[in-house]
């Protein structure tokens, strides 16, 4: 099973430094913002799809990135942290540290961009790492479909179950940006496809 974590805490920090830094940043920002700043960081960094419909948010572009690191509640932070702890390490190991960071950020940013593209007029603030996390899921979906030899059957089933559960959860639970989840998944799937293509091309040469 690809998602079983057997590392010690020290080993986790050593082998997955980017994932560890992302988790630490999310936790620190949440704690400081909620305990000391009365959510001022959240207000400064959250993402409003409807606010960026014109010119795709070029006036305040940092929000496309900052919103990925912020969370609206402790439960929100806890759920996303758990997902990152479990699902991120195999991809950081596969891509390498720098490429994984780029993959994570691009997935999260594209999730917000996709929210703008499909904006329907509903007013809602958006924060959280879930768009980037669904980028992880999208990458695994590509592997499960097109690189079956790369993962075991138990991992493949876990991927399918997680995506089905995530889709149901996104639909039935209020105040969730379905478009961000879909956008993140599309981005992750596309990026993994590109990575696999480039790796194959390099091997053939």
N, C-alpha and C. Protein backbone atom coordinates (compact mmCIF):
# COMPACT_ATOMS: atom_id res chain seq x y z
N UNK A 1 0.85 -1.20 0.00
CA UNK A 1 0.00 0.00 0.00
C UNK A 1 0.88 1.24 0.00
N UNK A 2 0.69 2.06 -1.01
CA UNK A 2 1.53 3.24 -1.21
C UNK A 2 1.35 4.29 -0.12
N UNK A 3 0.18 4.32 0.52
CA UNK A 3 -0.15 5.42 1.43
C UNK A 3 0.08 5.10 2.90
N UNK A 4 0.61 3.93 3.21
CA UNK A 4 0.93 3.61 4.60
C UNK A 4 2.20 4.35 5.00
N UNK A 5 2.13 5.09 6.08
CA UNK A 5 3.28 5.86 6.53
C UNK A 5 3.94 5.14 7.70
N UNK A 6 5.15 4.66 7.48
CA UNK A 6 5.89 3.92 8.50
C UNK A 6 7.09 4.69 9.03
N UNK A 7 7.28 5.91 8.53
CA UNK A 7 8.44 6.68 8.96
C UNK A 7 8.26 7.19 10.40
N UNK A 8 9.38 7.40 11.07
CA UNK A 8 9.34 8.13 12.33
C UNK A 8 9.10 9.60 12.02
N UNK A 9 8.78 10.37 13.05
CA UNK A 9 8.57 11.80 12.85
C UNK A 9 9.82 12.45 12.26
N UNK A 10 10.98 12.08 12.80
CA UNK A 10 12.24 12.63 12.31
C UNK A 10 12.49 12.19 10.87
N UNK A 11 12.17 10.94 10.57
CA UNK A 11 12.35 10.44 9.22
C UNK A 11 11.42 11.13 8.23
N UNK A 12 10.19 11.40 8.66
CA UNK A 12 9.23 12.10 7.80
C UNK A 12 9.76 13.48 7.43
N UNK A 13 10.27 14.20 8.42
CA UNK A 13 10.81 15.53 8.16
C UNK A 13 12.00 15.48 7.21
N UNK A 14 12.82 14.44 7.35
CA UNK A 14 14.02 14.31 6.53
C UNK A 14 13.70 13.97 5.08
N UNK A 15 12.79 13.02 4.88
CA UNK A 15 12.53 12.53 3.53
C UNK A 15 11.51 13.37 2.77
N UNK A 16 10.65 14.09 3.50
CA UNK A 16 9.60 14.88 2.85
C UNK A 16 9.62 16.32 3.37
N UNK A 17 10.70 17.05 3.13
CA UNK A 17 10.83 18.40 3.69
C UNK A 17 9.81 19.39 3.14
N UNK A 18 9.45 19.28 1.87
CA UNK A 18 8.48 20.21 1.29
C UNK A 18 7.11 19.97 1.90
N UNK A 19 6.70 18.72 1.96
CA UNK A 19 5.42 18.39 2.59
C UNK A 19 5.39 18.85 4.03
N UNK A 20 6.48 18.63 4.76
CA UNK A 20 6.56 19.04 6.16
C UNK A 20 6.45 20.55 6.31
N UNK A 21 7.12 21.29 5.42
CA UNK A 21 7.06 22.75 5.47
C UNK A 21 5.66 23.27 5.14
N UNK A 22 4.99 22.64 4.19
CA UNK A 22 3.62 23.04 3.84
C UNK A 22 2.70 22.84 5.04
N UNK A 23 2.81 21.70 5.68
CA UNK A 23 1.99 21.41 6.86
C UNK A 23 2.27 22.41 7.96
N UNK A 24 3.55 22.66 8.23
CA UNK A 24 3.93 23.59 9.30
C UNK A 24 3.42 24.99 9.00
N UNK A 25 3.56 25.43 7.76
CA UNK A 25 3.09 26.77 7.37
C UNK A 25 1.59 26.90 7.58
N UNK A 26 0.84 25.90 7.16
CA UNK A 26 -0.62 25.93 7.32
C UNK A 26 -1.01 26.03 8.79
N UNK A 27 -0.34 25.24 9.63
CA UNK A 27 -0.66 25.22 11.06
C UNK A 27 -0.29 26.54 11.72
N UNK A 28 0.90 27.04 11.43
CA UNK A 28 1.36 28.28 12.05
C UNK A 28 0.47 29.46 11.65
N UNK A 29 0.16 29.57 10.37
CA UNK A 29 -0.71 30.66 9.92
C UNK A 29 -2.08 30.59 10.57
N UNK A 30 -2.63 29.39 10.68
CA UNK A 30 -3.94 29.24 11.30
C UNK A 30 -3.88 29.65 12.77
N UNK A 31 -2.87 29.15 13.50
CA UNK A 31 -2.76 29.44 14.93
C UNK A 31 -2.58 30.93 15.19
N UNK A 32 -1.66 31.54 14.48
CA UNK A 32 -1.39 32.97 14.67
C UNK A 32 -2.61 33.81 14.29
N UNK A 33 -3.24 33.47 13.19
CA UNK A 33 -4.37 34.25 12.70
C UNK A 33 -5.56 34.18 13.64
N UNK A 34 -5.88 33.00 14.12
CA UNK A 34 -7.07 32.82 14.95
C UNK A 34 -6.82 33.20 16.41
N UNK A 35 -5.60 33.03 16.90
CA UNK A 35 -5.32 33.30 18.31
C UNK A 35 -4.95 34.76 18.57
N UNK A 36 -4.30 35.40 17.60
CA UNK A 36 -3.74 36.72 17.87
C UNK A 36 -4.20 37.83 16.93
N UNK A 37 -4.62 37.50 15.73
CA UNK A 37 -4.87 38.54 14.72
C UNK A 37 -6.33 38.65 14.30
N UNK A 38 -7.21 37.95 14.97
CA UNK A 38 -8.64 38.04 14.68
C UNK A 38 -8.94 37.83 13.19
N UNK A 39 -8.30 36.83 12.61
CA UNK A 39 -8.51 36.41 11.22
C UNK A 39 -8.10 37.46 10.18
N UNK A 40 -7.22 38.37 10.55
CA UNK A 40 -6.80 39.39 9.60
C UNK A 40 -6.00 38.80 8.43
N UNK A 41 -5.21 37.76 8.72
CA UNK A 41 -4.46 37.11 7.63
C UNK A 41 -5.43 36.46 6.66
N UNK A 42 -6.47 35.83 7.20
CA UNK A 42 -7.47 35.17 6.34
C UNK A 42 -8.16 36.19 5.45
N UNK A 43 -8.57 37.32 6.02
CA UNK A 43 -9.25 38.34 5.22
C UNK A 43 -8.33 38.89 4.14
N UNK A 44 -7.03 39.00 4.46
CA UNK A 44 -6.08 39.53 3.49
C UNK A 44 -5.79 38.51 2.38
N UNK A 45 -5.80 37.23 2.71
CA UNK A 45 -5.34 36.24 1.76
C UNK A 45 -6.39 35.36 1.13
N UNK A 46 -7.66 35.45 1.57
CA UNK A 46 -8.68 34.55 1.02
C UNK A 46 -8.99 34.90 -0.43
N UNK A 47 -9.69 33.98 -1.08
CA UNK A 47 -9.97 34.12 -2.51
C UNK A 47 -11.47 34.21 -2.74
N UNK A 48 -11.89 35.24 -3.49
CA UNK A 48 -13.28 35.39 -3.91
C UNK A 48 -13.34 35.25 -5.42
N UNK A 49 -13.98 34.20 -5.89
CA UNK A 49 -14.06 34.00 -7.35
C UNK A 49 -14.75 35.18 -8.02
N UNK A 50 -15.85 35.68 -7.41
CA UNK A 50 -16.60 36.74 -8.05
C UNK A 50 -15.83 38.06 -8.05
N UNK A 51 -14.90 38.23 -7.12
CA UNK A 51 -14.12 39.47 -7.08
C UNK A 51 -13.09 39.52 -8.18
N UNK A 52 -12.83 38.38 -8.79
CA UNK A 52 -11.75 38.31 -9.76
C UNK A 52 -12.25 37.97 -11.15
N UNK A 53 -13.55 38.09 -11.34
CA UNK A 53 -14.10 37.70 -12.64
C UNK A 53 -13.57 38.60 -13.75
N UNK A 54 -13.43 39.87 -13.45
CA UNK A 54 -12.86 40.79 -14.44
C UNK A 54 -11.34 40.76 -14.35
N UNK A 55 -10.68 40.57 -15.46
CA UNK A 55 -9.22 40.55 -15.56
C UNK A 55 -8.59 39.43 -14.72
N UNK A 56 -9.40 38.44 -14.33
CA UNK A 56 -8.90 37.26 -13.62
C UNK A 56 -8.05 37.60 -12.40
N UNK A 57 -8.44 38.63 -11.70
CA UNK A 57 -7.80 38.92 -10.42
C UNK A 57 -6.41 39.48 -10.52
N UNK A 58 -6.09 40.16 -11.59
CA UNK A 58 -4.74 40.65 -11.75
C UNK A 58 -4.40 41.75 -10.77
N UNK A 59 -5.40 42.41 -10.21
CA UNK A 59 -5.14 43.49 -9.26
C UNK A 59 -4.61 42.95 -7.93
N UNK A 60 -5.01 41.78 -7.53
CA UNK A 60 -4.57 41.17 -6.27
C UNK A 60 -4.20 39.70 -6.51
N UNK A 61 -3.18 39.46 -7.30
CA UNK A 61 -2.87 38.09 -7.71
C UNK A 61 -2.36 37.20 -6.59
N UNK A 62 -1.86 37.80 -5.50
CA UNK A 62 -1.33 36.97 -4.42
C UNK A 62 -2.39 36.05 -3.83
N UNK A 63 -3.65 36.44 -3.93
CA UNK A 63 -4.72 35.64 -3.34
C UNK A 63 -4.83 34.25 -3.96
N UNK A 64 -4.41 34.12 -5.20
CA UNK A 64 -4.44 32.80 -5.84
C UNK A 64 -3.54 31.82 -5.09
N UNK A 65 -2.47 32.35 -4.48
CA UNK A 65 -1.51 31.51 -3.76
C UNK A 65 -1.79 31.50 -2.26
N UNK A 66 -2.01 32.67 -1.68
CA UNK A 66 -2.16 32.74 -0.23
C UNK A 66 -3.36 31.95 0.28
N UNK A 67 -4.42 31.91 -0.50
CA UNK A 67 -5.62 31.19 -0.06
C UNK A 67 -5.36 29.69 0.12
N UNK A 68 -4.34 29.17 -0.57
CA UNK A 68 -4.01 27.75 -0.47
C UNK A 68 -3.47 27.41 0.91
N UNK A 69 -2.89 28.40 1.59
CA UNK A 69 -2.25 28.15 2.89
C UNK A 69 -3.16 28.44 4.07
N UNK A 70 -4.36 28.94 3.82
CA UNK A 70 -5.25 29.38 4.89
C UNK A 70 -6.43 28.44 5.05
N UNK A 71 -7.00 28.40 6.27
CA UNK A 71 -8.13 27.51 6.54
C UNK A 71 -9.15 28.21 7.42
N UNK A 72 -10.41 27.88 7.20
CA UNK A 72 -11.49 28.60 7.86
C UNK A 72 -11.85 28.12 9.24
N UNK A 73 -11.44 26.91 9.60
CA UNK A 73 -11.77 26.35 10.91
C UNK A 73 -10.75 25.28 11.26
N UNK A 74 -10.76 24.88 12.53
CA UNK A 74 -9.83 23.84 12.97
C UNK A 74 -10.12 22.52 12.27
N UNK A 75 -11.40 22.19 12.11
CA UNK A 75 -11.77 20.95 11.42
C UNK A 75 -11.27 20.96 9.97
N UNK A 76 -11.40 22.10 9.33
CA UNK A 76 -10.93 22.27 7.96
C UNK A 76 -9.43 22.02 7.88
N UNK A 77 -8.69 22.64 8.79
CA UNK A 77 -7.24 22.46 8.84
C UNK A 77 -6.87 21.01 9.13
N UNK A 78 -7.56 20.39 10.09
CA UNK A 78 -7.26 19.02 10.49
C UNK A 78 -7.47 18.05 9.34
N UNK A 79 -8.58 18.19 8.65
CA UNK A 79 -8.90 17.28 7.54
C UNK A 79 -7.87 17.41 6.42
N UNK A 80 -7.54 18.64 6.05
CA UNK A 80 -6.58 18.85 4.97
C UNK A 80 -5.16 18.42 5.37
N UNK A 81 -4.81 18.66 6.63
CA UNK A 81 -3.49 18.24 7.11
C UNK A 81 -3.36 16.72 7.04
N UNK A 82 -4.40 16.02 7.46
CA UNK A 82 -4.39 14.56 7.39
C UNK A 82 -4.20 14.09 5.95
N UNK A 83 -4.91 14.71 5.02
CA UNK A 83 -4.79 14.32 3.61
C UNK A 83 -3.38 14.57 3.08
N UNK A 84 -2.79 15.70 3.45
CA UNK A 84 -1.43 16.00 2.99
C UNK A 84 -0.42 15.02 3.58
N UNK A 85 -0.55 14.73 4.87
CA UNK A 85 0.36 13.79 5.53
C UNK A 85 0.36 12.44 4.84
N UNK A 86 -0.82 11.97 4.46
CA UNK A 86 -0.96 10.63 3.88
C UNK A 86 -0.63 10.60 2.39
N UNK A 87 -1.16 11.53 1.63
CA UNK A 87 -1.11 11.42 0.18
C UNK A 87 0.06 12.16 -0.49
N UNK A 88 0.66 13.12 0.20
CA UNK A 88 1.72 13.90 -0.45
C UNK A 88 3.07 13.19 -0.56
N UNK A 89 3.52 12.45 0.45
CA UNK A 89 4.88 11.89 0.40
C UNK A 89 5.24 11.09 -0.84
N UNK A 90 4.38 10.17 -1.33
CA UNK A 90 4.78 9.41 -2.52
C UNK A 90 5.06 10.30 -3.73
N UNK A 91 4.31 11.39 -3.86
CA UNK A 91 4.53 12.28 -5.00
C UNK A 91 5.77 13.14 -4.82
N UNK A 92 6.06 13.54 -3.58
CA UNK A 92 7.30 14.28 -3.35
C UNK A 92 8.50 13.39 -3.65
N UNK A 93 8.40 12.11 -3.30
CA UNK A 93 9.47 11.17 -3.61
C UNK A 93 9.59 10.95 -5.11
N UNK A 94 8.45 10.89 -5.81
CA UNK A 94 8.46 10.66 -7.25
C UNK A 94 9.01 11.86 -8.02
N UNK A 95 8.50 13.05 -7.72
CA UNK A 95 8.88 14.25 -8.47
C UNK A 95 10.24 14.80 -8.06
N UNK A 96 10.60 14.61 -6.80
CA UNK A 96 11.71 15.35 -6.23
C UNK A 96 11.17 16.60 -5.55
N UNK A 97 11.94 17.17 -4.65
CA UNK A 97 11.43 18.23 -3.78
C UNK A 97 10.98 19.48 -4.56
N UNK A 98 11.84 19.99 -5.43
CA UNK A 98 11.51 21.23 -6.14
C UNK A 98 10.34 21.04 -7.08
N UNK A 99 10.35 19.95 -7.84
CA UNK A 99 9.26 19.72 -8.78
C UNK A 99 7.95 19.46 -8.05
N UNK A 100 8.03 18.81 -6.89
CA UNK A 100 6.80 18.58 -6.13
C UNK A 100 6.21 19.90 -5.64
N UNK A 101 7.05 20.79 -5.15
CA UNK A 101 6.55 22.09 -4.70
C UNK A 101 5.86 22.82 -5.84
N UNK A 102 6.47 22.80 -7.02
CA UNK A 102 5.86 23.43 -8.19
C UNK A 102 4.53 22.77 -8.53
N UNK A 103 4.50 21.45 -8.49
CA UNK A 103 3.26 20.71 -8.77
C UNK A 103 2.16 21.11 -7.79
N UNK A 104 2.48 21.18 -6.51
CA UNK A 104 1.50 21.52 -5.47
C UNK A 104 0.95 22.92 -5.68
N UNK A 105 1.84 23.87 -5.92
CA UNK A 105 1.42 25.26 -6.09
C UNK A 105 0.59 25.45 -7.36
N UNK A 106 1.03 24.85 -8.45
CA UNK A 106 0.29 24.98 -9.71
C UNK A 106 -1.10 24.38 -9.57
N UNK A 107 -1.21 23.23 -8.91
CA UNK A 107 -2.52 22.61 -8.71
C UNK A 107 -3.43 23.51 -7.89
N UNK A 108 -2.89 24.09 -6.82
CA UNK A 108 -3.70 24.96 -5.98
C UNK A 108 -4.12 26.23 -6.69
N UNK A 109 -3.20 26.83 -7.42
CA UNK A 109 -3.51 28.06 -8.16
C UNK A 109 -4.52 27.78 -9.27
N UNK A 110 -4.32 26.69 -10.00
CA UNK A 110 -5.25 26.38 -11.08
C UNK A 110 -6.64 26.09 -10.53
N UNK A 111 -6.72 25.52 -9.34
CA UNK A 111 -8.02 25.30 -8.71
C UNK A 111 -8.77 26.62 -8.55
N UNK A 112 -8.05 27.66 -8.14
CA UNK A 112 -8.67 28.98 -8.02
C UNK A 112 -9.00 29.58 -9.38
N UNK A 113 -8.10 29.41 -10.34
CA UNK A 113 -8.36 29.90 -11.70
C UNK A 113 -9.60 29.23 -12.27
N UNK A 114 -9.73 27.94 -12.06
CA UNK A 114 -10.89 27.20 -12.56
C UNK A 114 -12.17 27.71 -11.91
N UNK A 115 -12.09 28.09 -10.63
CA UNK A 115 -13.25 28.67 -9.96
C UNK A 115 -13.70 29.95 -10.63
N UNK A 116 -12.72 30.73 -11.10
CA UNK A 116 -13.04 31.96 -11.81
C UNK A 116 -13.68 31.65 -13.16
N UNK A 117 -13.11 30.68 -13.86
CA UNK A 117 -13.59 30.34 -15.20
C UNK A 117 -15.04 29.89 -15.18
N UNK A 118 -15.40 29.09 -14.18
CA UNK A 118 -16.76 28.53 -14.13
C UNK A 118 -17.65 29.30 -13.16
N UNK A 119 -17.21 30.49 -12.75
CA UNK A 119 -17.96 31.29 -11.78
C UNK A 119 -19.41 31.48 -12.22
N UNK A 120 -20.33 31.18 -11.31
CA UNK A 120 -21.76 31.19 -11.64
C UNK A 120 -22.51 32.36 -11.02
N UNK A 121 -21.84 33.21 -10.27
CA UNK A 121 -22.50 34.35 -9.67
C UNK A 121 -22.71 34.22 -8.18
N UNK A 122 -22.45 33.03 -7.64
CA UNK A 122 -22.62 32.82 -6.20
C UNK A 122 -21.47 33.47 -5.45
N UNK A 123 -21.79 34.17 -4.36
CA UNK A 123 -20.78 34.87 -3.58
C UNK A 123 -20.31 33.97 -2.45
N UNK A 124 -19.05 33.61 -2.45
CA UNK A 124 -18.50 32.81 -1.35
C UNK A 124 -16.99 33.02 -1.28
N UNK A 125 -16.45 33.09 -0.06
CA UNK A 125 -14.99 33.16 0.10
C UNK A 125 -14.40 31.76 -0.01
N UNK A 126 -13.18 31.69 -0.45
CA UNK A 126 -12.54 30.39 -0.62
C UNK A 126 -11.16 30.39 0.00
N UNK A 127 -10.94 29.47 0.93
CA UNK A 127 -9.62 29.24 1.51
C UNK A 127 -9.42 27.74 1.66
N UNK A 128 -8.17 27.34 1.78
CA UNK A 128 -7.89 25.94 2.04
C UNK A 128 -6.99 25.29 1.01
N UNK A 129 -6.38 24.21 1.44
CA UNK A 129 -5.44 23.48 0.59
C UNK A 129 -6.12 22.42 -0.26
N UNK A 130 -7.44 22.34 -0.20
CA UNK A 130 -8.13 21.22 -0.86
C UNK A 130 -7.94 21.21 -2.37
N UNK A 131 -7.83 22.39 -2.99
CA UNK A 131 -7.58 22.41 -4.43
C UNK A 131 -6.27 21.74 -4.78
N UNK A 132 -5.22 22.06 -4.01
CA UNK A 132 -3.92 21.42 -4.22
C UNK A 132 -3.98 19.93 -3.89
N UNK A 133 -4.74 19.59 -2.85
CA UNK A 133 -4.88 18.18 -2.46
C UNK A 133 -5.58 17.39 -3.56
N UNK A 134 -6.58 17.97 -4.16
CA UNK A 134 -7.24 17.30 -5.28
C UNK A 134 -6.30 17.20 -6.48
N UNK A 135 -5.31 18.07 -6.53
CA UNK A 135 -4.25 17.91 -7.53
C UNK A 135 -3.50 16.60 -7.30
N UNK A 136 -3.24 16.27 -6.03
CA UNK A 136 -2.62 14.99 -5.70
C UNK A 136 -3.51 13.84 -6.17
N UNK A 137 -4.81 13.96 -5.88
CA UNK A 137 -5.75 12.90 -6.28
C UNK A 137 -5.78 12.74 -7.80
N UNK A 138 -5.75 13.87 -8.51
CA UNK A 138 -5.76 13.81 -9.97
C UNK A 138 -4.52 13.11 -10.51
N UNK A 139 -3.38 13.37 -9.88
CA UNK A 139 -2.13 12.71 -10.29
C UNK A 139 -2.22 11.21 -10.07
N UNK A 140 -2.75 10.82 -8.92
CA UNK A 140 -2.90 9.39 -8.64
C UNK A 140 -3.91 8.73 -9.58
N UNK A 141 -4.94 9.47 -9.95
CA UNK A 141 -5.92 8.91 -10.88
C UNK A 141 -5.26 8.61 -12.22
N UNK A 142 -4.39 9.50 -12.67
CA UNK A 142 -3.67 9.22 -13.92
C UNK A 142 -2.85 7.94 -13.80
N UNK A 143 -2.14 7.79 -12.68
CA UNK A 143 -1.33 6.59 -12.48
C UNK A 143 -2.20 5.34 -12.43
N UNK A 144 -3.35 5.45 -11.75
CA UNK A 144 -4.24 4.30 -11.62
C UNK A 144 -4.79 3.84 -12.96
N UNK A 145 -4.99 4.78 -13.88
CA UNK A 145 -5.59 4.45 -15.18
C UNK A 145 -4.54 4.08 -16.22
N UNK A 146 -3.48 4.89 -16.30
CA UNK A 146 -2.53 4.75 -17.41
C UNK A 146 -1.17 4.16 -17.01
N UNK A 147 -0.89 4.06 -15.73
CA UNK A 147 0.38 3.48 -15.28
C UNK A 147 0.09 2.43 -14.20
N UNK A 148 -0.74 1.47 -14.55
CA UNK A 148 -1.20 0.47 -13.59
C UNK A 148 -0.05 -0.34 -12.99
N UNK A 149 1.01 -0.48 -13.75
CA UNK A 149 2.17 -1.24 -13.26
C UNK A 149 2.90 -0.50 -12.13
N UNK A 150 2.66 0.80 -12.01
CA UNK A 150 3.41 1.61 -11.05
C UNK A 150 2.84 1.54 -9.64
N UNK A 151 1.60 1.08 -9.49
CA UNK A 151 0.98 1.03 -8.17
C UNK A 151 0.27 -0.30 -7.97
N UNK A 152 0.16 -0.72 -6.72
CA UNK A 152 -0.47 -2.00 -6.42
C UNK A 152 -1.99 -1.87 -6.42
N UNK A 153 -2.67 -3.00 -6.41
CA UNK A 153 -4.13 -3.02 -6.50
C UNK A 153 -4.78 -2.36 -5.30
N UNK A 154 -4.22 -2.55 -4.11
CA UNK A 154 -4.78 -1.94 -2.91
C UNK A 154 -4.71 -0.42 -2.99
N UNK A 155 -3.61 0.09 -3.48
CA UNK A 155 -3.47 1.54 -3.66
C UNK A 155 -4.46 2.06 -4.69
N UNK A 156 -4.62 1.32 -5.77
CA UNK A 156 -5.54 1.73 -6.84
C UNK A 156 -6.97 1.82 -6.30
N UNK A 157 -7.37 0.84 -5.53
CA UNK A 157 -8.72 0.85 -4.95
C UNK A 157 -8.89 2.03 -4.00
N UNK A 158 -7.84 2.30 -3.22
CA UNK A 158 -7.89 3.44 -2.30
C UNK A 158 -8.08 4.75 -3.05
N UNK A 159 -7.40 4.88 -4.18
CA UNK A 159 -7.53 6.09 -5.00
C UNK A 159 -8.96 6.26 -5.49
N UNK A 160 -9.53 5.20 -6.03
CA UNK A 160 -10.90 5.28 -6.55
C UNK A 160 -11.89 5.60 -5.43
N UNK A 161 -11.75 4.93 -4.30
CA UNK A 161 -12.67 5.14 -3.18
C UNK A 161 -12.55 6.58 -2.67
N UNK A 162 -11.32 7.06 -2.55
CA UNK A 162 -11.10 8.42 -2.07
C UNK A 162 -11.74 9.45 -2.99
N UNK A 163 -11.59 9.27 -4.29
CA UNK A 163 -12.17 10.20 -5.25
C UNK A 163 -13.69 10.15 -5.23
N UNK A 164 -14.26 8.96 -5.12
CA UNK A 164 -15.72 8.84 -5.05
C UNK A 164 -16.25 9.50 -3.78
N UNK A 165 -15.59 9.21 -2.66
CA UNK A 165 -15.99 9.83 -1.39
C UNK A 165 -15.85 11.35 -1.47
N UNK A 166 -14.74 11.82 -2.05
CA UNK A 166 -14.51 13.25 -2.17
C UNK A 166 -15.56 13.93 -3.02
N UNK A 167 -15.98 13.27 -4.09
CA UNK A 167 -17.02 13.83 -4.96
C UNK A 167 -18.34 13.94 -4.21
N UNK A 168 -18.72 12.88 -3.52
CA UNK A 168 -19.97 12.88 -2.75
C UNK A 168 -19.92 13.94 -1.67
N UNK A 169 -18.79 14.01 -0.97
CA UNK A 169 -18.62 14.97 0.11
C UNK A 169 -18.72 16.40 -0.42
N UNK A 170 -18.12 16.65 -1.58
CA UNK A 170 -18.15 17.99 -2.16
C UNK A 170 -19.56 18.42 -2.54
N UNK A 171 -20.39 17.45 -2.91
CA UNK A 171 -21.75 17.76 -3.36
C UNK A 171 -22.71 17.96 -2.19
N UNK A 172 -22.61 17.11 -1.17
CA UNK A 172 -23.62 17.12 -0.11
C UNK A 172 -23.30 18.07 1.04
N UNK A 173 -22.04 18.41 1.22
CA UNK A 173 -21.65 19.29 2.32
C UNK A 173 -21.66 20.73 1.84
N UNK A 174 -22.34 21.63 2.56
CA UNK A 174 -22.41 23.04 2.13
C UNK A 174 -21.08 23.76 2.29
N UNK A 175 -20.96 24.89 1.62
CA UNK A 175 -19.81 25.78 1.74
C UNK A 175 -18.51 25.14 1.27
N UNK A 176 -18.60 24.27 0.29
CA UNK A 176 -17.41 23.67 -0.31
C UNK A 176 -17.34 24.08 -1.77
N UNK A 177 -16.16 24.50 -2.20
CA UNK A 177 -15.98 24.93 -3.59
C UNK A 177 -15.74 23.70 -4.47
N UNK A 178 -16.81 23.21 -5.06
CA UNK A 178 -16.70 22.05 -5.95
C UNK A 178 -15.80 22.37 -7.13
N UNK A 179 -15.92 23.58 -7.65
CA UNK A 179 -15.12 23.96 -8.81
C UNK A 179 -13.63 23.92 -8.50
N UNK A 180 -13.26 24.31 -7.29
CA UNK A 180 -11.84 24.26 -6.90
C UNK A 180 -11.35 22.83 -6.83
N UNK A 181 -12.18 21.94 -6.31
CA UNK A 181 -11.81 20.53 -6.25
C UNK A 181 -11.64 19.95 -7.65
N UNK A 182 -12.58 20.25 -8.52
CA UNK A 182 -12.50 19.76 -9.90
C UNK A 182 -11.28 20.35 -10.61
N UNK A 183 -11.08 21.64 -10.43
CA UNK A 183 -9.93 22.29 -11.06
C UNK A 183 -8.61 21.72 -10.59
N UNK A 184 -8.50 21.47 -9.29
CA UNK A 184 -7.29 20.87 -8.76
C UNK A 184 -7.04 19.49 -9.33
N UNK A 185 -8.10 18.69 -9.42
CA UNK A 185 -7.98 17.33 -9.96
C UNK A 185 -7.57 17.36 -11.43
N UNK A 186 -8.15 18.26 -12.19
CA UNK A 186 -7.79 18.40 -13.61
C UNK A 186 -6.31 18.77 -13.75
N UNK A 187 -5.88 19.72 -12.93
CA UNK A 187 -4.49 20.16 -12.98
C UNK A 187 -3.54 19.02 -12.64
N UNK A 188 -3.84 18.31 -11.55
CA UNK A 188 -2.97 17.21 -11.14
C UNK A 188 -2.89 16.12 -12.18
N UNK A 189 -4.02 15.79 -12.78
CA UNK A 189 -4.08 14.77 -13.83
C UNK A 189 -3.23 15.20 -15.02
N UNK A 190 -3.39 16.45 -15.43
CA UNK A 190 -2.65 16.97 -16.59
C UNK A 190 -1.15 17.04 -16.31
N UNK A 191 -0.78 17.49 -15.12
CA UNK A 191 0.64 17.61 -14.79
C UNK A 191 1.31 16.24 -14.71
N UNK A 192 0.60 15.26 -14.13
CA UNK A 192 1.17 13.91 -14.08
C UNK A 192 1.30 13.33 -15.48
N UNK A 193 0.33 13.61 -16.33
CA UNK A 193 0.40 13.16 -17.72
C UNK A 193 1.62 13.75 -18.42
N UNK A 194 1.84 15.05 -18.20
CA UNK A 194 3.00 15.72 -18.80
C UNK A 194 4.30 15.13 -18.26
N UNK A 195 4.35 14.92 -16.95
CA UNK A 195 5.55 14.36 -16.33
C UNK A 195 5.85 12.97 -16.89
N UNK A 196 4.83 12.13 -17.01
CA UNK A 196 5.01 10.77 -17.53
C UNK A 196 5.49 10.82 -18.98
N UNK A 197 4.93 11.72 -19.76
CA UNK A 197 5.33 11.86 -21.16
C UNK A 197 6.80 12.27 -21.27
N UNK A 198 7.21 13.25 -20.47
CA UNK A 198 8.59 13.72 -20.53
C UNK A 198 9.56 12.65 -20.06
N UNK A 199 9.17 11.90 -19.03
CA UNK A 199 10.02 10.81 -18.55
C UNK A 199 10.17 9.73 -19.62
N UNK A 200 9.08 9.38 -20.27
CA UNK A 200 9.12 8.36 -21.32
C UNK A 200 9.98 8.82 -22.49
N UNK A 201 9.82 10.08 -22.87
CA UNK A 201 10.60 10.63 -23.97
C UNK A 201 12.08 10.62 -23.65
N UNK A 202 12.43 10.91 -22.40
CA UNK A 202 13.83 10.92 -21.98
C UNK A 202 14.42 9.52 -22.01
N UNK A 203 13.64 8.53 -21.59
CA UNK A 203 14.11 7.14 -21.58
C UNK A 203 14.34 6.64 -22.99
N UNK A 204 13.42 6.98 -23.90
CA UNK A 204 13.55 6.55 -25.30
C UNK A 204 14.81 7.10 -25.94
N UNK A 205 15.15 8.34 -25.60
CA UNK A 205 16.37 8.94 -26.14
C UNK A 205 17.62 8.22 -25.62
